[in-house]
Amino acid sequence: MLTLTNLSNADCDVEKLLQNSPDTLAEILHTHMLDGIEFMLCAPWDRTMFPADYIKGVHLLFWPTWVDFWRGDRAALMEEFGSEEKIRTYYGSLHVSDWIAAWKENLRRAAECQPQYLVLHVAHNRTSEMYTRAFAATDEDVIRATIELVNEIACEIPEGCRLLFENLWWPGLTFCQPHLAAMLLEEVNYRAVGFMLDTGHLMNTNLDLRSEADGSAYVTKIYRNLGAVGKYVYGLHLHQSLSGSYVREMMRRHADACDPLDWQTAMAYVMRVDRHEPFRTEAVRRILDAVQPDYLVHEFLQRTRGDWEQKIRTQCFALGRL
């Protein structure tokens, strides 16, 4: 099993986490006995700051709202974004063909890193649905659209590199319906496919969880319910999110909400729901024992180098690795 942590090359990460030093990443990996990083390319790749030997996986870019654009539903797009200019800004174009080209370019850039795996979010929602969770799209709608999308761009996936589908709590892959996870494996025209199970995202599908013990038991139960599909879970994004009380309060407070949210409001809400906190108790060991992944990724929202290292240390201690 490779033990990794998440990192992007966005300016904020280079400045706040790596402190603009090419030595920082090596120091962190060595200190915490990590094998490398799961990398997200948000800018041109600086090989000095992010040496290729450290990059074991690449997380592909993600548009949280995309199925309406893919389907050409102009009415839904105008309702969500309000103008063609905002649609163009979000997708980079008004034309799906240009958006597909952007996906392919992201895959080509990822291939340069020679990763062992790629991660693709399988989810869609409109910001107007965030508070209420009254979604227009079903899980199956999003799964089928994802199959179409991946089959369109699969030609750019590096040969032999695993494509791992990641779960969220929006419509799409949640792991709560095993037959839909199986559909991805069966209908995508690329053979080296599997799953990256995100533990915090899975916990966000259950608003009744109140403790890490509850969360670990729930994640383990859902994993076991996958049956044969579970053997294709090759990786874990390991973190915890106990936000059910907050979600319920926002659902109550915004019960009649139907207007789209601006970017800042939407992101603030998502970060309160999807907390990316480290596990602090040995309950997390139950998940690792059940899944036994090839890739364990300590995935957090890191504010500073100190915050990042403290979260890694905390979760490693919970796992019994310190």
Protein backbone atom coordinates (compact mmCIF):
# COMPACT_ATOMS: atom_id res chain seq x y z
CA MET A 1 0.00 0.00 0.00
CA LEU A 2 1.24 3.46 -0.90
CA THR A 3 0.54 6.16 1.69
CA LEU A 4 0.07 9.60 0.16
CA THR A 5 -1.23 13.08 0.84
CA ASN A 6 -3.10 15.50 -1.41
CA LEU A 7 -1.50 18.58 -2.92
CA SER A 8 -2.17 20.94 -5.81
CA ASN A 9 0.09 23.36 -7.63
CA ALA A 10 -2.31 26.28 -7.14
CA ASP A 11 -0.49 29.43 -6.05
CA CYS A 12 -2.06 29.27 -2.59
CA ASP A 13 -0.67 25.78 -1.96
CA VAL A 14 2.78 26.66 -3.26
CA GLU A 15 2.88 29.71 -1.00
CA LYS A 16 1.09 28.54 2.17
CA LEU A 17 1.97 24.84 2.23
CA LEU A 18 5.31 24.61 0.46
CA GLN A 19 6.41 28.12 1.47
CA ASN A 20 7.76 28.65 -2.06
CA SER A 21 10.59 26.23 -1.31
CA PRO A 22 11.45 23.18 -3.44
CA ASP A 23 12.75 21.44 -0.30
CA THR A 24 9.51 21.52 1.71
CA LEU A 25 7.70 18.64 0.03
CA ALA A 26 10.62 16.24 0.48
CA GLU A 27 10.84 17.24 4.15
CA ILE A 28 7.14 16.59 4.76
CA LEU A 29 7.12 13.23 2.98
CA HIS A 30 10.20 12.11 4.90
CA THR A 31 8.98 13.34 8.28
CA HIS A 32 5.63 11.58 7.99
CA MET A 33 6.89 8.48 6.17
CA LEU A 34 4.74 9.12 3.11
CA ASP A 35 5.36 7.61 -0.33
CA GLY A 36 4.29 10.64 -2.33
CA ILE A 37 1.35 12.78 -3.33
CA GLU A 38 -1.94 12.74 -5.17
CA PHE A 39 -1.50 15.81 -7.34
CA MET A 40 -3.97 18.26 -8.85
CA LEU A 41 -2.76 20.35 -11.77
CA CYS A 42 -4.16 23.87 -11.52
CA ALA A 43 -1.27 25.56 -13.33
CA PRO A 44 1.73 24.61 -15.49
CA TRP A 45 3.77 21.89 -13.79
CA ASP A 46 6.94 23.06 -12.04
CA ARG A 47 9.02 19.87 -11.87
CA THR A 48 11.44 21.41 -9.37
CA MET A 49 8.68 22.13 -6.87
CA PHE A 50 6.79 18.90 -7.61
CA PRO A 51 9.29 16.18 -8.65
CA ALA A 52 7.82 13.44 -10.83
CA ASP A 53 9.02 10.71 -8.46
CA TYR A 54 6.66 12.00 -5.78
CA ILE A 55 3.54 12.01 -7.97
CA LYS A 56 1.69 8.69 -7.65
CA GLY A 57 -1.78 9.85 -8.64
CA VAL A 58 -3.41 12.84 -10.34
CA HIS A 59 -6.82 14.23 -9.43
CA LEU A 60 -8.51 15.53 -12.58
CA LEU A 61 -10.28 18.87 -12.73
CA PHE A 62 -13.96 19.02 -11.87
CA TRP A 63 -17.00 21.09 -12.81
CA PRO A 64 -19.62 20.49 -10.05
CA THR A 65 -22.44 21.56 -12.39
CA TRP A 66 -22.08 19.99 -15.82
CA VAL A 67 -24.82 17.55 -16.91
CA ASP A 68 -27.11 20.34 -18.16
CA PHE A 69 -24.26 21.67 -20.30
CA TRP A 70 -23.47 18.17 -21.57
CA ARG A 71 -27.12 17.62 -22.48
CA GLY A 72 -27.50 21.03 -24.12
CA ASP A 73 -30.26 22.11 -21.72
CA ARG A 74 -30.05 25.86 -22.34
CA ALA A 75 -33.07 26.69 -20.16
CA ALA A 76 -31.52 24.97 -17.14
CA LEU A 77 -28.17 26.65 -17.80
CA MET A 78 -29.72 30.10 -18.02
CA GLU A 79 -31.65 29.48 -14.81
CA GLU A 80 -28.45 28.42 -13.03
CA PHE A 81 -26.01 30.98 -14.45
CA GLY A 82 -28.22 33.88 -15.58
CA SER A 83 -26.32 34.82 -18.74
CA GLU A 84 -24.35 33.34 -21.62
CA GLU A 85 -21.27 35.20 -20.45
CA LYS A 86 -21.36 33.44 -17.07
CA ILE A 87 -21.86 30.10 -18.81
CA ARG A 88 -18.84 30.82 -21.00
CA THR A 89 -16.77 31.81 -17.98
CA TYR A 90 -17.63 28.61 -16.11
CA TYR A 91 -17.01 26.12 -18.93
CA GLY A 92 -14.50 28.12 -20.92
CA SER A 93 -16.83 28.13 -23.92
CA LEU A 94 -20.45 27.87 -24.98
CA HIS A 95 -19.60 24.75 -26.99
CA VAL A 96 -19.36 21.24 -25.53
CA SER A 97 -16.65 20.37 -28.05
CA ASP A 98 -14.37 23.01 -26.52
CA TRP A 99 -15.11 21.71 -23.02
CA ILE A 100 -14.22 18.18 -24.15
CA ALA A 101 -10.96 19.58 -25.54
CA ALA A 102 -10.23 21.02 -22.08
CA TRP A 103 -10.80 17.60 -20.51
CA LYS A 104 -8.42 16.01 -23.00
CA GLU A 105 -5.79 18.64 -22.35
CA ASN A 106 -6.06 18.00 -18.60
CA LEU A 107 -5.54 14.29 -19.29
CA ARG A 108 -2.50 14.98 -21.49
CA ARG A 109 -0.97 17.14 -18.76
CA ALA A 110 -1.73 14.46 -16.18
CA ALA A 111 -0.07 11.84 -18.40
CA GLU A 112 3.18 13.84 -18.32
CA CYS A 113 3.36 13.10 -14.59
CA GLN A 114 3.30 9.34 -15.33
CA PRO A 115 0.90 8.62 -12.46
CA GLN A 116 -0.24 5.17 -11.40
CA TYR A 117 -3.83 6.39 -11.24
CA LEU A 118 -6.21 9.24 -12.10
CA VAL A 119 -9.20 10.34 -10.01
CA LEU A 120 -12.49 11.51 -11.54
CA HIS A 121 -15.41 12.90 -9.53
CA VAL A 122 -18.76 11.37 -10.50
CA ALA A 123 -21.29 13.95 -9.36
CA HIS A 124 -23.46 16.84 -10.48
CA ASN A 125 -25.68 19.38 -8.79
CA ARG A 126 -27.04 22.86 -9.31
CA THR A 127 -26.19 25.43 -6.66
CA SER A 128 -29.91 26.14 -6.26
CA GLU A 129 -30.27 22.57 -4.93
CA MET A 130 -27.49 22.64 -2.36
CA TYR A 131 -29.46 23.70 0.69
CA THR A 132 -32.59 21.66 0.06
CA ARG A 133 -31.03 18.55 -1.54
CA ALA A 134 -34.08 18.43 -3.81
CA PHE A 135 -32.13 17.40 -6.91
CA ALA A 136 -33.40 17.46 -10.47
CA ALA A 137 -30.93 14.79 -11.60
CA THR A 138 -30.92 11.24 -10.27
CA ASP A 139 -27.87 9.16 -9.45
CA GLU A 140 -28.48 7.14 -12.60
CA ASP A 141 -28.76 10.27 -14.75
CA VAL A 142 -25.31 11.37 -13.63
CA ILE A 143 -23.78 7.89 -13.91
CA ARG A 144 -25.00 7.56 -17.50
CA ALA A 145 -23.75 11.03 -18.42
CA THR A 146 -20.38 10.20 -16.86
CA ILE A 147 -20.13 7.02 -18.93
CA GLU A 148 -20.77 9.07 -22.07
CA LEU A 149 -18.20 11.68 -21.07
CA VAL A 150 -15.49 9.18 -20.17
CA ASN A 151 -16.03 7.25 -23.39
CA GLU A 152 -15.51 10.52 -25.26
CA ILE A 153 -12.18 11.31 -23.58
CA ALA A 154 -10.81 7.83 -22.81
CA CYS A 155 -8.48 7.99 -25.81
CA GLU A 156 -6.26 10.39 -23.83
CA ILE A 157 -5.94 8.23 -20.71
CA PRO A 158 -2.34 6.96 -20.46
CA GLU A 159 -2.06 3.25 -21.21
CA GLY A 160 -1.99 1.13 -18.07
CA CYS A 161 -2.97 4.00 -15.76
CA ARG A 162 -5.93 3.25 -13.51
CA LEU A 163 -8.97 5.51 -13.77
CA LEU A 164 -10.58 5.70 -10.34
CA PHE A 165 -14.11 7.06 -9.92
CA GLU A 166 -14.67 9.05 -6.73
CA ASN A 167 -17.92 9.26 -4.79
CA LEU A 168 -19.59 12.41 -3.52
CA TRP A 169 -22.88 13.09 -1.75
CA TRP A 170 -24.47 14.88 -4.71
CA PRO A 171 -26.33 12.89 -7.41
CA GLY A 172 -23.96 10.44 -9.07
CA LEU A 173 -21.67 7.89 -7.45
CA THR A 174 -22.50 7.67 -3.75
CA PHE A 175 -21.89 3.91 -3.26
CA CYS A 176 -25.38 3.67 -1.76
CA GLN A 177 -26.60 1.88 -4.92
CA PRO A 178 -24.06 -0.83 -5.79
CA HIS A 179 -25.62 -1.57 -9.18
CA LEU A 180 -24.82 1.97 -10.35
CA ALA A 181 -21.18 1.57 -9.34
CA ALA A 182 -21.15 -1.68 -11.30
CA MET A 183 -22.58 0.16 -14.32
CA LEU A 184 -19.51 2.38 -14.43
CA LEU A 185 -17.21 -0.63 -14.48
CA GLU A 186 -19.22 -2.38 -17.18
CA GLU A 187 -20.00 0.43 -19.63
CA VAL A 188 -16.90 2.64 -19.64
CA ASN A 189 -14.69 1.84 -22.64
CA TYR A 190 -11.50 1.66 -20.63
CA ARG A 191 -10.51 -1.48 -18.82
CA ALA A 192 -8.25 -0.27 -16.00
CA VAL A 193 -11.06 1.27 -13.96
CA GLY A 194 -11.94 1.19 -10.30
CA PHE A 195 -12.91 3.43 -7.41
CA MET A 196 -11.42 5.93 -4.99
CA LEU A 197 -13.66 5.71 -1.93
CA ASP A 198 -13.79 9.06 -0.18
CA THR A 199 -14.71 8.38 3.45
CA GLY A 200 -15.79 11.93 4.31
CA HIS A 201 -17.97 12.19 1.20
CA LEU A 202 -19.60 8.90 2.10
CA MET A 203 -20.24 10.11 5.65
CA ASN A 204 -21.98 13.15 4.12
CA THR A 205 -24.69 10.84 2.72
CA ASN A 206 -25.85 10.04 6.27
CA LEU A 207 -27.06 13.00 8.32
CA ASP A 208 -27.51 10.90 11.46
CA LEU A 209 -23.82 10.27 12.13
CA ARG A 210 -22.65 11.86 15.36
CA SER A 211 -19.23 10.34 16.10
CA GLU A 212 -16.19 8.86 14.40
CA ALA A 213 -17.34 5.44 15.60
CA ASP A 214 -20.68 6.01 13.83
CA GLY A 215 -18.86 7.17 10.70
CA SER A 216 -16.43 4.27 10.59
CA ALA A 217 -19.22 1.76 11.11
CA TYR A 218 -21.28 3.37 8.34
CA VAL A 219 -18.42 3.51 5.83
CA THR A 220 -17.55 -0.11 6.55
CA LYS A 221 -21.18 -1.18 6.19
CA ILE A 222 -21.60 0.56 2.81
CA TYR A 223 -18.31 -0.90 1.60
CA ARG A 224 -19.37 -4.43 2.53
CA ASN A 225 -22.73 -3.89 0.83
CA LEU A 226 -20.85 -3.34 -2.45
CA GLY A 227 -20.17 -7.07 -2.57
CA ALA A 228 -18.07 -8.04 -5.58
CA VAL A 229 -17.84 -4.41 -6.69
CA GLY A 230 -15.86 -3.69 -3.54
CA LYS A 231 -12.76 -5.41 -4.87
CA TYR A 232 -12.44 -2.54 -7.37
CA VAL A 233 -12.01 0.00 -4.57
CA TYR A 234 -8.30 0.55 -5.03
CA GLY A 235 -7.92 3.74 -3.04
CA LEU A 236 -9.14 5.65 0.01
CA HIS A 237 -9.35 9.39 0.43
CA LEU A 238 -9.18 9.23 4.21
CA HIS A 239 -10.77 11.98 6.31
CA GLN A 240 -13.94 12.46 8.33
CA SER A 241 -16.92 14.76 8.10
CA LEU A 242 -19.60 14.95 10.78
CA SER A 243 -21.78 17.74 9.43
CA GLY A 244 -25.26 16.23 9.61
CA SER A 245 -26.56 18.71 12.21
CA TYR A 246 -25.36 21.65 10.11
CA VAL A 247 -26.93 20.24 6.93
CA ARG A 248 -30.27 19.69 8.67
CA GLU A 249 -30.23 23.23 10.06
CA MET A 250 -29.51 24.69 6.61
CA MET A 251 -32.27 22.55 5.10
CA ARG A 252 -34.68 23.91 7.70
CA ARG A 253 -33.51 27.51 7.30
CA HIS A 254 -33.63 27.43 3.50
CA ALA A 255 -36.59 25.09 3.02
CA ASP A 256 -38.06 27.29 0.28
CA ALA A 257 -34.78 28.27 -1.37
CA CYS A 258 -34.67 27.88 -5.13
CA ASP A 259 -32.28 30.60 -6.31
CA PRO A 260 -28.74 29.80 -7.51
CA LEU A 261 -25.91 30.65 -5.12
CA ASP A 262 -22.95 32.83 -5.99
CA TRP A 263 -19.57 31.11 -6.07
CA GLN A 264 -18.41 32.36 -2.66
CA THR A 265 -21.63 31.33 -0.90
CA ALA A 266 -21.65 27.91 -2.55
CA MET A 267 -18.00 27.25 -1.64
CA ALA A 268 -18.52 28.39 1.94
CA TYR A 269 -21.44 25.97 2.28
CA VAL A 270 -19.54 23.05 0.72
CA MET A 271 -16.58 23.57 3.05
CA ARG A 272 -18.89 23.48 6.08
CA VAL A 273 -20.46 20.24 4.84
CA ASP A 274 -17.32 18.53 3.54
CA ARG A 275 -14.96 19.19 6.41
CA HIS A 276 -11.94 17.07 5.48
CA GLU A 277 -10.96 16.68 9.13
CA PRO A 278 -8.53 13.98 10.28
CA PHE A 279 -9.78 10.95 12.14
CA ARG A 280 -8.71 11.25 15.76
CA THR A 281 -9.71 7.86 17.20
CA GLU A 282 -8.81 4.27 16.47
CA ALA A 283 -12.31 3.74 14.99
CA VAL A 284 -10.74 4.61 11.63
CA ARG A 285 -8.76 1.36 11.71
CA ARG A 286 -12.00 -0.51 11.03
CA ILE A 287 -12.20 1.14 7.59
CA LEU A 288 -8.62 0.38 6.64
CA ASP A 289 -8.93 -3.23 7.78
CA ALA A 290 -12.06 -3.72 5.69
CA VAL A 291 -10.94 -2.06 2.46
CA GLN A 292 -7.19 -2.81 2.41
CA PRO A 293 -6.56 -0.33 -0.43
CA ASP A 294 -3.57 -0.02 -2.72
CA TYR A 295 -3.53 3.75 -2.11
CA LEU A 296 -4.22 5.52 1.18
CA VAL A 297 -4.47 9.30 0.72
CA HIS A 298 -4.52 11.58 3.76
CA GLU A 299 -6.81 14.18 2.17
CA PHE A 300 -7.35 17.43 4.04
CA LEU A 301 -8.17 21.10 3.58
CA GLN A 302 -4.82 22.54 4.60
CA ARG A 303 -4.46 26.19 5.63
CA THR A 304 -0.74 26.31 6.40
CA ARG A 305 2.20 23.92 6.50
CA GLY A 306 1.75 23.57 10.25
CA ASP A 307 -1.96 22.83 9.90
CA TRP A 308 -1.24 20.27 7.17
CA GLU A 309 1.42 18.45 9.17
CA GLN A 310 -0.69 18.44 12.33
CA LYS A 311 -3.59 16.82 10.47
CA ILE A 312 -1.35 14.15 8.96
CA ARG A 313 0.17 13.48 12.39
CA THR A 314 -3.25 13.26 14.04
CA GLN A 315 -4.63 10.77 11.53
CA CYS A 316 -1.46 8.66 11.52
CA PHE A 317 -1.72 8.44 15.31
CA ALA A 318 -5.35 7.30 15.03
CA LEU A 319 -4.24 4.63 12.58
CA GLY A 320 -1.57 3.44 15.01
CA ARG A 321 1.24 4.52 12.73
CA LEU A 322 3.09 6.78 15.16
